[in-house]
Amino acid sequence: MWLLDSLDLVQRVRKLWCYLSVWRFKQVFGRDAGKEFHVIYNINIVPKGVVFERPEPKVKRDNYKRTQNLTTVNSCATTRAIGYLVYTFGEMVNIPPTIGSDVETDEKMDMSFISIGGVTNLKTCDVLRDDSNHFLDFDKRSIVHRSSRLPIIEFRSDVAYGLIIKTNPHSNPERAWICCAGFGERGTSGAAWFLATKWKDIGKWAKKGPFAIITKTEVNSDESTVPIHKFRTSEEVEDAARRYSATVATTTTTTTTSRTETTGLSFTDGGTATQ
């Protein structure tokens, strides 16, 4: 009898642990996770007459033909990002997310989703422009504070920066809107990898509230992605932007001073070089 009681206790503990894990998962991804949740990619139309090139196969196949009739195409980064997220959903909830394009969901606002890609994705644009986004935005070659437009990160060719934002839109506050975007493809897929694999850490920090994370991927691998900024309030973003501006100003002053000491030249307020 005691053995049966012990087995029953183990089963109860396992059920409780599973319940808590799903509960934590839904704190990050919203209550629609495991119900009606969407992963949205941006769709690209292939111009007529375009023939895609592929590497020559290493093994000859008599029935192999090159692709000539694609109507749409997606990047490898988008494919990787979707794979990371769908795999994680499959581990945590019974119902997988619906995968669709931004064109198909263009007019749908009353839903929970993760959008893949930057401002080339219509749903990412919805996340960034919604009044509930008090965090970040893209501005040419920078990630900026949405309100002040002060830069926090400047684009660098040797680093792929990514951006994760979660909000609850004012028009439908029970929904969760999340975007994984970046400068370059690796920035986007790296951000998606980080969200998919580090959601437990995000949940411990952000709970069920909105948040923003800036990531960087320094090598050509999504698994090298690390967070460099984490925000839960607009004030935290503004503080980081001001610190970045101060750092840039200090660096500029130091560089100018170094040049003055070297050349013996300085600049007046009017910008005229004097000696």
C-alpha atoms as a PDB file:
ATOM      1  CA  MET A   1       0.000   0.000   0.000  1.00  0.00           C
ATOM      2  CA  TRP A   2       2.771   2.431   0.860  1.00  0.00           C
ATOM      3  CA  LEU A   3       4.301   1.806  -2.580  1.00  0.00           C
ATOM      4  CA  LEU A   4       1.036   2.807  -4.307  1.00  0.00           C
ATOM      5  CA  ASP A   5       0.805   5.899  -2.129  1.00  0.00           C
ATOM      6  CA  SER A   6       4.376   6.824  -3.044  1.00  0.00           C
ATOM      7  CA  LEU A   7       3.686   6.415  -6.773  1.00  0.00           C
ATOM      8  CA  ASP A   8       0.552   8.510  -6.448  1.00  0.00           C
ATOM      9  CA  LEU A   9       2.542  11.234  -4.681  1.00  0.00           C
ATOM     10  CA  VAL A  10       5.181  11.200  -7.439  1.00  0.00           C
ATOM     11  CA  GLN A  11       2.478  11.584 -10.094  1.00  0.00           C
ATOM     12  CA  ARG A  12       0.916  14.469  -8.201  1.00  0.00           C
ATOM     13  CA  VAL A  13       4.274  16.216  -7.889  1.00  0.00           C
ATOM     14  CA  ARG A  14       4.945  15.731 -11.612  1.00  0.00           C
ATOM     15  CA  LYS A  15       1.543  17.180 -12.518  1.00  0.00           C
ATOM     16  CA  LEU A  16       2.160  20.150 -10.247  1.00  0.00           C
ATOM     17  CA  TRP A  17       5.598  20.705 -11.755  1.00  0.00           C
ATOM     18  CA  CYS A  18       4.167  20.549 -15.289  1.00  0.00           C
ATOM     19  CA  TYR A  19       1.413  22.986 -14.330  1.00  0.00           C
ATOM     20  CA  LEU A  20       3.917  25.440 -12.846  1.00  0.00           C
ATOM     21  CA  SER A  21       6.163  25.171 -15.914  1.00  0.00           C
ATOM     22  CA  VAL A  22       3.289  25.946 -18.283  1.00  0.00           C
ATOM     23  CA  TRP A  23       2.167  28.781 -16.005  1.00  0.00           C
ATOM     24  CA  ARG A  24       5.658  30.318 -16.123  1.00  0.00           C
ATOM     25  CA  PHE A  25       5.744  29.864 -19.897  1.00  0.00           C
ATOM     26  CA  LYS A  26       2.459  31.730 -20.272  1.00  0.00           C
ATOM     27  CA  GLN A  27       3.719  34.542 -18.085  1.00  0.00           C
ATOM     28  CA  VAL A  28       6.315  35.277 -20.758  1.00  0.00           C
ATOM     29  CA  PHE A  29       4.346  34.480 -23.918  1.00  0.00           C
ATOM     30  CA  GLY A  30       0.838  35.387 -22.745  1.00  0.00           C
ATOM     31  CA  ARG A  31      -2.202  33.378 -21.829  1.00  0.00           C
ATOM     32  CA  ASP A  32      -2.965  32.564 -25.492  1.00  0.00           C
ATOM     33  CA  ALA A  33       0.149  30.359 -25.671  1.00  0.00           C
ATOM     34  CA  GLY A  34      -1.129  26.824 -26.163  1.00  0.00           C
ATOM     35  CA  LYS A  35      -4.487  28.127 -27.390  1.00  0.00           C
ATOM     36  CA  GLU A  36      -4.528  30.477 -30.354  1.00  0.00           C
ATOM     37  CA  PHE A  37      -1.068  31.922 -30.839  1.00  0.00           C
ATOM     38  CA  HIS A  38       0.664  33.020 -34.044  1.00  0.00           C
ATOM     39  CA  VAL A  39       4.237  33.157 -35.319  1.00  0.00           C
ATOM     40  CA  ILE A  40       4.367  35.706 -38.143  1.00  0.00           C
ATOM     41  CA  TYR A  41       7.047  35.944 -40.829  1.00  0.00           C
ATOM     42  CA  ASN A  42       7.408  38.569 -43.541  1.00  0.00           C
ATOM     43  CA  ILE A  43       6.602  37.397 -47.033  1.00  0.00           C
ATOM     44  CA  ASN A  44       8.628  38.362 -50.105  1.00  0.00           C
ATOM     45  CA  ILE A  45       7.247  38.134 -53.623  1.00  0.00           C
ATOM     46  CA  VAL A  46       9.583  36.718 -56.240  1.00  0.00           C
ATOM     47  CA  PRO A  47       9.775  38.827 -59.441  1.00  0.00           C
ATOM     48  CA  LYS A  48       8.658  37.067 -62.594  1.00  0.00           C
ATOM     49  CA  GLY A  49      11.381  35.388 -64.590  1.00  0.00           C
ATOM     50  CA  VAL A  50      13.735  34.917 -61.649  1.00  0.00           C
ATOM     51  CA  VAL A  51      15.530  31.575 -61.640  1.00  0.00           C
ATOM     52  CA  PHE A  52      17.150  30.613 -58.345  1.00  0.00           C
ATOM     53  CA  GLU A  53      20.676  29.255 -58.280  1.00  0.00           C
ATOM     54  CA  ARG A  54      21.569  26.356 -56.002  1.00  0.00           C
ATOM     55  CA  PRO A  55      24.892  24.704 -55.150  1.00  0.00           C
ATOM     56  CA  GLU A  56      25.726  21.756 -57.332  1.00  0.00           C
ATOM     57  CA  PRO A  57      24.726  18.494 -55.597  1.00  0.00           C
ATOM     58  CA  LYS A  58      27.549  16.246 -54.501  1.00  0.00           C
ATOM     59  CA  VAL A  59      25.629  13.154 -55.580  1.00  0.00           C
ATOM     60  CA  LYS A  60      24.207  13.063 -59.102  1.00  0.00           C
ATOM     61  CA  ARG A  61      20.463  12.391 -59.369  1.00  0.00           C
ATOM     62  CA  ASP A  62      18.793  11.885 -62.733  1.00  0.00           C
ATOM     63  CA  ASN A  63      15.449  13.246 -61.502  1.00  0.00           C
ATOM     64  CA  TYR A  64      16.844  16.428 -59.920  1.00  0.00           C
ATOM     65  CA  LYS A  65      15.676  19.800 -61.304  1.00  0.00           C
ATOM     66  CA  ARG A  66      16.399  23.388 -60.301  1.00  0.00           C
ATOM     67  CA  THR A  67      13.602  25.447 -58.762  1.00  0.00           C
ATOM     68  CA  GLN A  68      12.039  27.807 -61.302  1.00  0.00           C
ATOM     69  CA  ASN A  69       8.494  28.526 -60.177  1.00  0.00           C
ATOM     70  CA  LEU A  70       8.697  29.918 -56.642  1.00  0.00           C
ATOM     71  CA  THR A  71       6.142  32.656 -55.943  1.00  0.00           C
ATOM     72  CA  THR A  72       7.436  33.639 -52.486  1.00  0.00           C
ATOM     73  CA  VAL A  73      10.728  33.255 -50.678  1.00  0.00           C
ATOM     74  CA  ASN A  74      11.920  33.559 -47.069  1.00  0.00           C
ATOM     75  CA  SER A  75      15.367  33.970 -45.580  1.00  0.00           C
ATOM     76  CA  CYS A  76      17.269  31.226 -43.799  1.00  0.00           C
ATOM     77  CA  ALA A  77      17.185  33.403 -40.665  1.00  0.00           C
ATOM     78  CA  THR A  78      13.391  33.382 -40.705  1.00  0.00           C
ATOM     79  CA  THR A  79      13.359  29.604 -41.050  1.00  0.00           C
ATOM     80  CA  ARG A  80      15.779  29.218 -38.135  1.00  0.00           C
ATOM     81  CA  ALA A  81      13.796  31.631 -35.955  1.00  0.00           C
ATOM     82  CA  ILE A  82      10.503  29.847 -36.583  1.00  0.00           C
ATOM     83  CA  GLY A  83      12.159  26.508 -35.821  1.00  0.00           C
ATOM     84  CA  TYR A  84      13.486  27.698 -32.456  1.00  0.00           C
ATOM     85  CA  LEU A  85      10.135  29.070 -31.352  1.00  0.00           C
ATOM     86  CA  VAL A  86       7.939  26.238 -32.602  1.00  0.00           C
ATOM     87  CA  TYR A  87      10.210  23.675 -30.935  1.00  0.00           C
ATOM     88  CA  THR A  88       9.911  25.498 -27.605  1.00  0.00           C
ATOM     89  CA  PHE A  89       6.135  25.747 -27.892  1.00  0.00           C
ATOM     90  CA  GLY A  90       6.020  22.040 -28.694  1.00  0.00           C
ATOM     91  CA  GLU A  91       7.913  21.264 -25.491  1.00  0.00           C
ATOM     92  CA  MET A  92       5.709  23.412 -23.269  1.00  0.00           C
ATOM     93  CA  VAL A  93       2.136  23.359 -24.588  1.00  0.00           C
ATOM     94  CA  ASN A  94      -0.099  20.893 -26.414  1.00  0.00           C
ATOM     95  CA  ILE A  95      -1.287  23.172 -29.212  1.00  0.00           C
ATOM     96  CA  PRO A  96       1.448  24.562 -31.503  1.00  0.00           C
ATOM     97  CA  PRO A  97       1.343  28.147 -32.757  1.00  0.00           C
ATOM     98  CA  THR A  98      -0.150  28.960 -36.135  1.00  0.00           C
ATOM     99  CA  ILE A  99       2.533  29.975 -38.626  1.00  0.00           C
ATOM    100  CA  GLY A 100       1.507  32.630 -41.135  1.00  0.00           C
ATOM    101  CA  SER A 101       2.699  35.632 -43.092  1.00  0.00           C
ATOM    102  CA  ASP A 102       2.377  39.290 -42.198  1.00  0.00           C
ATOM    103  CA  VAL A 103       0.287  39.818 -45.340  1.00  0.00           C
ATOM    104  CA  GLU A 104      -2.243  37.194 -44.256  1.00  0.00           C
ATOM    105  CA  THR A 105      -2.573  38.791 -40.801  1.00  0.00           C
ATOM    106  CA  ASP A 106      -2.198  42.400 -41.939  1.00  0.00           C
ATOM    107  CA  GLU A 107      -5.570  43.575 -40.611  1.00  0.00           C
ATOM    108  CA  LYS A 108      -5.773  41.258 -37.588  1.00  0.00           C
ATOM    109  CA  MET A 109      -5.056  43.053 -34.323  1.00  0.00           C
ATOM    110  CA  ASP A 110      -7.035  41.021 -31.776  1.00  0.00           C
ATOM    111  CA  MET A 111      -4.536  38.179 -31.470  1.00  0.00           C
ATOM    112  CA  SER A 112      -1.329  37.174 -29.720  1.00  0.00           C
ATOM    113  CA  PHE A 113       1.771  36.705 -31.838  1.00  0.00           C
ATOM    114  CA  ILE A 114       5.538  36.731 -32.261  1.00  0.00           C
ATOM    115  CA  SER A 115       6.689  38.564 -35.370  1.00  0.00           C
ATOM    116  CA  ILE A 116       9.991  37.590 -36.994  1.00  0.00           C
ATOM    117  CA  GLY A 117      12.034  40.360 -38.596  1.00  0.00           C
ATOM    118  CA  GLY A 118      12.364  44.126 -38.376  1.00  0.00           C
ATOM    119  CA  VAL A 119      10.348  46.834 -40.075  1.00  0.00           C
ATOM    120  CA  THR A 120      10.056  44.658 -43.181  1.00  0.00           C
ATOM    121  CA  ASN A 121       7.469  42.682 -41.160  1.00  0.00           C
ATOM    122  CA  LEU A 122       4.076  44.402 -40.931  1.00  0.00           C
ATOM    123  CA  LYS A 123       3.335  42.962 -37.481  1.00  0.00           C
ATOM    124  CA  THR A 124       6.691  44.119 -36.121  1.00  0.00           C
ATOM    125  CA  CYS A 125       5.695  47.590 -37.316  1.00  0.00           C
ATOM    126  CA  ASP A 126       2.467  47.189 -35.300  1.00  0.00           C
ATOM    127  CA  VAL A 127       4.467  46.320 -32.179  1.00  0.00           C
ATOM    128  CA  LEU A 128       6.865  49.231 -32.577  1.00  0.00           C
ATOM    129  CA  ARG A 129       4.222  51.890 -33.293  1.00  0.00           C
ATOM    130  CA  ASP A 130       1.665  50.835 -30.677  1.00  0.00           C
ATOM    131  CA  ASP A 131       1.254  53.188 -27.720  1.00  0.00           C
ATOM    132  CA  SER A 132       2.010  50.294 -25.369  1.00  0.00           C
ATOM    133  CA  ASN A 133       5.594  50.209 -26.639  1.00  0.00           C
ATOM    134  CA  HIS A 134       7.345  52.550 -24.210  1.00  0.00           C
ATOM    135  CA  PHE A 135      10.691  50.986 -24.945  1.00  0.00           C
ATOM    136  CA  LEU A 136      12.563  50.987 -28.228  1.00  0.00           C
ATOM    137  CA  ASP A 137      12.432  51.658 -31.941  1.00  0.00           C
ATOM    138  CA  PHE A 138      14.663  51.486 -34.988  1.00  0.00           C
ATOM    139  CA  ASP A 139      16.033  54.710 -36.444  1.00  0.00           C
ATOM    140  CA  LYS A 140      18.190  54.288 -39.537  1.00  0.00           C
ATOM    141  CA  ARG A 141      21.314  52.573 -38.149  1.00  0.00           C
ATOM    142  CA  SER A 142      20.465  52.785 -34.449  1.00  0.00           C
ATOM    143  CA  ILE A 143      18.216  51.329 -31.790  1.00  0.00           C
ATOM    144  CA  VAL A 144      16.695  54.302 -29.970  1.00  0.00           C
ATOM    145  CA  HIS A 145      14.511  55.152 -27.005  1.00  0.00           C
ATOM    146  CA  ARG A 146      11.013  55.403 -28.426  1.00  0.00           C
ATOM    147  CA  SER A 147      10.112  58.661 -26.660  1.00  0.00           C
ATOM    148  CA  SER A 148      13.313  60.714 -26.663  1.00  0.00           C
ATOM    149  CA  ARG A 149      14.767  59.144 -29.863  1.00  0.00           C
ATOM    150  CA  LEU A 150      18.135  59.040 -28.128  1.00  0.00           C
ATOM    151  CA  PRO A 151      20.301  56.166 -29.442  1.00  0.00           C
ATOM    152  CA  ILE A 152      21.214  53.223 -27.238  1.00  0.00           C
ATOM    153  CA  ILE A 153      23.032  51.087 -29.789  1.00  0.00           C
ATOM    154  CA  GLU A 154      24.724  52.114 -33.030  1.00  0.00           C
ATOM    155  CA  PHE A 155      25.034  49.602 -35.849  1.00  0.00           C
ATOM    156  CA  ARG A 156      28.418  47.872 -36.201  1.00  0.00           C
ATOM    157  CA  SER A 157      29.438  45.663 -39.075  1.00  0.00           C
ATOM    158  CA  ASP A 158      31.199  43.138 -36.810  1.00  0.00           C
ATOM    159  CA  VAL A 159      28.248  42.621 -34.438  1.00  0.00           C
ATOM    160  CA  ALA A 160      24.668  41.550 -35.143  1.00  0.00           C
ATOM    161  CA  TYR A 161      22.309  43.325 -32.760  1.00  0.00           C
ATOM    162  CA  GLY A 162      18.853  41.956 -32.004  1.00  0.00           C
ATOM    163  CA  LEU A 163      15.744  43.299 -30.348  1.00  0.00           C
ATOM    164  CA  ILE A 164      12.981  41.537 -28.391  1.00  0.00           C
ATOM    165  CA  ILE A 165       9.940  43.536 -27.301  1.00  0.00           C
ATOM    166  CA  LYS A 166       6.836  42.272 -25.515  1.00  0.00           C
ATOM    167  CA  THR A 167       3.822  44.525 -25.044  1.00  0.00           C
ATOM    168  CA  ASN A 168       0.133  44.253 -24.289  1.00  0.00           C
ATOM    169  CA  PRO A 169      -1.562  46.491 -26.885  1.00  0.00           C
ATOM    170  CA  HIS A 170      -3.886  49.153 -25.490  1.00  0.00           C
ATOM    171  CA  SER A 171      -6.685  48.125 -27.856  1.00  0.00           C
ATOM    172  CA  ASN A 172      -6.482  44.459 -26.748  1.00  0.00           C
ATOM    173  CA  PRO A 173      -4.594  44.360 -23.427  1.00  0.00           C
ATOM    174  CA  GLU A 174      -5.297  40.664 -22.879  1.00  0.00           C
ATOM    175  CA  ARG A 175      -3.169  39.837 -25.955  1.00  0.00           C
ATOM    176  CA  ALA A 176       0.611  39.530 -26.050  1.00  0.00           C
ATOM    177  CA  TRP A 177       2.502  41.141 -28.914  1.00  0.00           C
ATOM    178  CA  ILE A 178       6.147  40.102 -29.221  1.00  0.00           C
ATOM    179  CA  CYS A 179       8.696  40.902 -31.901  1.00  0.00           C
ATOM    180  CA  CYS A 180      12.118  39.429 -32.609  1.00  0.00           C
ATOM    181  CA  ALA A 181      13.955  41.839 -34.877  1.00  0.00           C
ATOM    182  CA  GLY A 182      17.516  42.808 -35.628  1.00  0.00           C
ATOM    183  CA  PHE A 183      20.134  44.506 -37.727  1.00  0.00           C
ATOM    184  CA  GLY A 184      20.802  41.819 -40.305  1.00  0.00           C
ATOM    185  CA  GLU A 185      19.527  38.270 -40.463  1.00  0.00           C
ATOM    186  CA  ARG A 186      21.749  36.949 -37.687  1.00  0.00           C
ATOM    187  CA  GLY A 187      20.486  39.658 -35.343  1.00  0.00           C
ATOM    188  CA  THR A 188      16.904  38.508 -35.933  1.00  0.00           C
ATOM    189  CA  SER A 189      17.512  34.769 -35.633  1.00  0.00           C
ATOM    190  CA  GLY A 190      19.794  35.319 -32.637  1.00  0.00           C
ATOM    191  CA  ALA A 191      17.040  37.247 -30.848  1.00  0.00           C
ATOM    192  CA  ALA A 192      14.549  34.459 -31.600  1.00  0.00           C
ATOM    193  CA  TRP A 193      16.993  31.832 -30.318  1.00  0.00           C
ATOM    194  CA  PHE A 194      17.491  33.796 -27.110  1.00  0.00           C
ATOM    195  CA  LEU A 195      13.731  34.142 -26.528  1.00  0.00           C
ATOM    196  CA  ALA A 196      13.107  30.467 -27.294  1.00  0.00           C
ATOM    197  CA  THR A 197      15.891  29.079 -25.105  1.00  0.00           C
ATOM    198  CA  LYS A 198      16.152  31.647 -22.297  1.00  0.00           C
ATOM    199  CA  TRP A 199      12.470  32.321 -21.635  1.00  0.00           C
ATOM    200  CA  LYS A 200      12.777  30.895 -18.118  1.00  0.00           C
ATOM    201  CA  ASP A 201      15.421  33.477 -17.231  1.00  0.00           C
ATOM    202  CA  ILE A 202      13.310  36.191 -18.836  1.00  0.00           C
ATOM    203  CA  GLY A 203      10.298  35.092 -16.793  1.00  0.00           C
ATOM    204  CA  LYS A 204      12.207  35.249 -13.512  1.00  0.00           C
ATOM    205  CA  TRP A 205      13.129  38.830 -14.283  1.00  0.00           C
ATOM    206  CA  ALA A 206      10.109  40.241 -16.151  1.00  0.00           C
ATOM    207  CA  LYS A 207       7.334  38.059 -14.663  1.00  0.00           C
ATOM    208  CA  LYS A 208       4.215  38.584 -16.798  1.00  0.00           C
ATOM    209  CA  GLY A 209       4.849  42.220 -17.600  1.00  0.00           C
ATOM    210  CA  PRO A 210       6.083  43.924 -20.779  1.00  0.00           C
ATOM    211  CA  PHE A 211       9.802  44.044 -21.433  1.00  0.00           C
ATOM    212  CA  ALA A 212      12.483  44.828 -23.987  1.00  0.00           C
ATOM    213  CA  ILE A 213      15.848  43.136 -24.511  1.00  0.00           C
ATOM    214  CA  ILE A 214      18.725  44.119 -26.801  1.00  0.00           C
ATOM    215  CA  THR A 215      20.958  41.203 -27.786  1.00  0.00           C
ATOM    216  CA  LYS A 216      24.199  40.850 -29.676  1.00  0.00           C
ATOM    217  CA  THR A 217      25.621  37.998 -31.727  1.00  0.00           C
ATOM    218  CA  GLU A 218      29.346  38.415 -32.288  1.00  0.00           C
ATOM    219  CA  VAL A 219      30.083  35.288 -34.278  1.00  0.00           C
ATOM    220  CA  ASN A 220      28.173  33.602 -37.061  1.00  0.00           C
ATOM    221  CA  SER A 221      26.123  31.500 -34.637  1.00  0.00           C
ATOM    222  CA  ASP A 222      22.749  32.158 -33.027  1.00  0.00           C
ATOM    223  CA  GLU A 223      23.907  30.246 -29.956  1.00  0.00           C
ATOM    224  CA  SER A 224      26.493  32.930 -29.224  1.00  0.00           C
ATOM    225  CA  THR A 225      23.721  35.472 -28.597  1.00  0.00           C
ATOM    226  CA  VAL A 226      23.805  37.281 -25.243  1.00  0.00           C
ATOM    227  CA  PRO A 227      21.737  40.138 -23.781  1.00  0.00           C
ATOM    228  CA  ILE A 228      23.406  43.529 -23.375  1.00  0.00           C
ATOM    229  CA  HIS A 229      20.368  45.548 -22.200  1.00  0.00           C
ATOM    230  CA  LYS A 230      17.194  44.508 -20.371  1.00  0.00           C
ATOM    231  CA  PHE A 231      14.324  46.932 -19.719  1.00  0.00           C
ATOM    232  CA  ARG A 232      10.996  46.800 -17.910  1.00  0.00           C
ATOM    233  CA  THR A 233      10.194  50.525 -17.877  1.00  0.00           C
ATOM    234  CA  SER A 234      10.612  53.527 -20.153  1.00  0.00           C
ATOM    235  CA  GLU A 235      12.683  55.197 -17.444  1.00  0.00           C
ATOM    236  CA  GLU A 236      15.241  52.393 -17.604  1.00  0.00           C
ATOM    237  CA  VAL A 237      15.506  52.858 -21.367  1.00  0.00           C
ATOM    238  CA  GLU A 238      15.939  56.613 -21.068  1.00  0.00           C
ATOM    239  CA  ASP A 239      18.623  56.170 -18.427  1.00  0.00           C
ATOM    240  CA  ALA A 240      20.551  53.773 -20.691  1.00  0.00           C
ATOM    241  CA  ALA A 241      20.208  56.183 -23.625  1.00  0.00           C
ATOM    242  CA  ARG A 242      21.589  59.081 -21.580  1.00  0.00           C
ATOM    243  CA  ARG A 243      24.496  56.986 -20.368  1.00  0.00           C
ATOM    244  CA  TYR A 244      25.254  55.971 -23.949  1.00  0.00           C
ATOM    245  CA  SER A 245      25.115  59.621 -25.090  1.00  0.00           C
ATOM    246  CA  ALA A 246      27.480  60.603 -22.262  1.00  0.00           C
ATOM    247  CA  THR A 247      29.881  57.825 -23.267  1.00  0.00           C
ATOM    248  CA  VAL A 248      29.850  58.953 -26.902  1.00  0.00           C
ATOM    249  CA  ALA A 249      30.433  62.561 -25.837  1.00  0.00           C
ATOM    250  CA  THR A 250      33.355  61.544 -23.609  1.00  0.00           C
ATOM    251  CA  THR A 251      34.889  59.472 -26.382  1.00  0.00           C
ATOM    252  CA  THR A 252      34.525  62.342 -28.837  1.00  0.00           C
ATOM    253  CA  THR A 253      36.110  64.797 -26.391  1.00  0.00           C
ATOM    254  CA  THR A 254      39.019  62.443 -25.735  1.00  0.00           C
ATOM    255  CA  THR A 255      39.587  61.946 -29.458  1.00  0.00           C
ATOM    256  CA  THR A 256      39.464  65.704 -30.098  1.00  0.00           C
ATOM    257  CA  THR A 257      41.899  66.382 -27.255  1.00  0.00           C
ATOM    258  CA  SER A 258      44.287  63.754 -28.585  1.00  0.00           C
ATOM    259  CA  ARG A 259      44.198  65.302 -32.044  1.00  0.00           C
ATOM    260  CA  THR A 260      44.762  68.806 -30.582  1.00  0.00           C
ATOM    261  CA  GLU A 261      47.810  67.644 -28.650  1.00  0.00           C
ATOM    262  CA  THR A 262      49.169  66.019 -31.785  1.00  0.00           C
ATOM    263  CA  THR A 263      48.541  68.797 -34.299  1.00  0.00           C
ATOM    264  CA  GLY A 264      48.536  71.885 -32.091  1.00  0.00           C
ATOM    265  CA  LEU A 265      45.123  72.843 -33.533  1.00  0.00           C
ATOM    266  CA  SER A 266      41.863  73.540 -31.743  1.00  0.00           C
ATOM    267  CA  PHE A 267      38.408  74.712 -32.792  1.00  0.00           C
ATOM    268  CA  THR A 268      36.585  77.813 -31.654  1.00  0.00           C
ATOM    269  CA  ASP A 269      32.799  77.815 -31.129  1.00  0.00           C
ATOM    270  CA  GLY A 270      32.402  78.794 -34.741  1.00  0.00           C
ATOM    271  CA  GLY A 271      34.291  75.701 -35.876  1.00  0.00           C
ATOM    272  CA  THR A 272      37.346  77.607 -37.153  1.00  0.00           C
ATOM    273  CA  ALA A 273      40.689  75.940 -36.693  1.00  0.00           C
ATOM    274  CA  THR A 274      43.137  78.057 -34.686  1.00  0.00           C
ATOM    275  CA  GLN A 275      46.721  77.528 -33.581  1.00  0.00           C
END
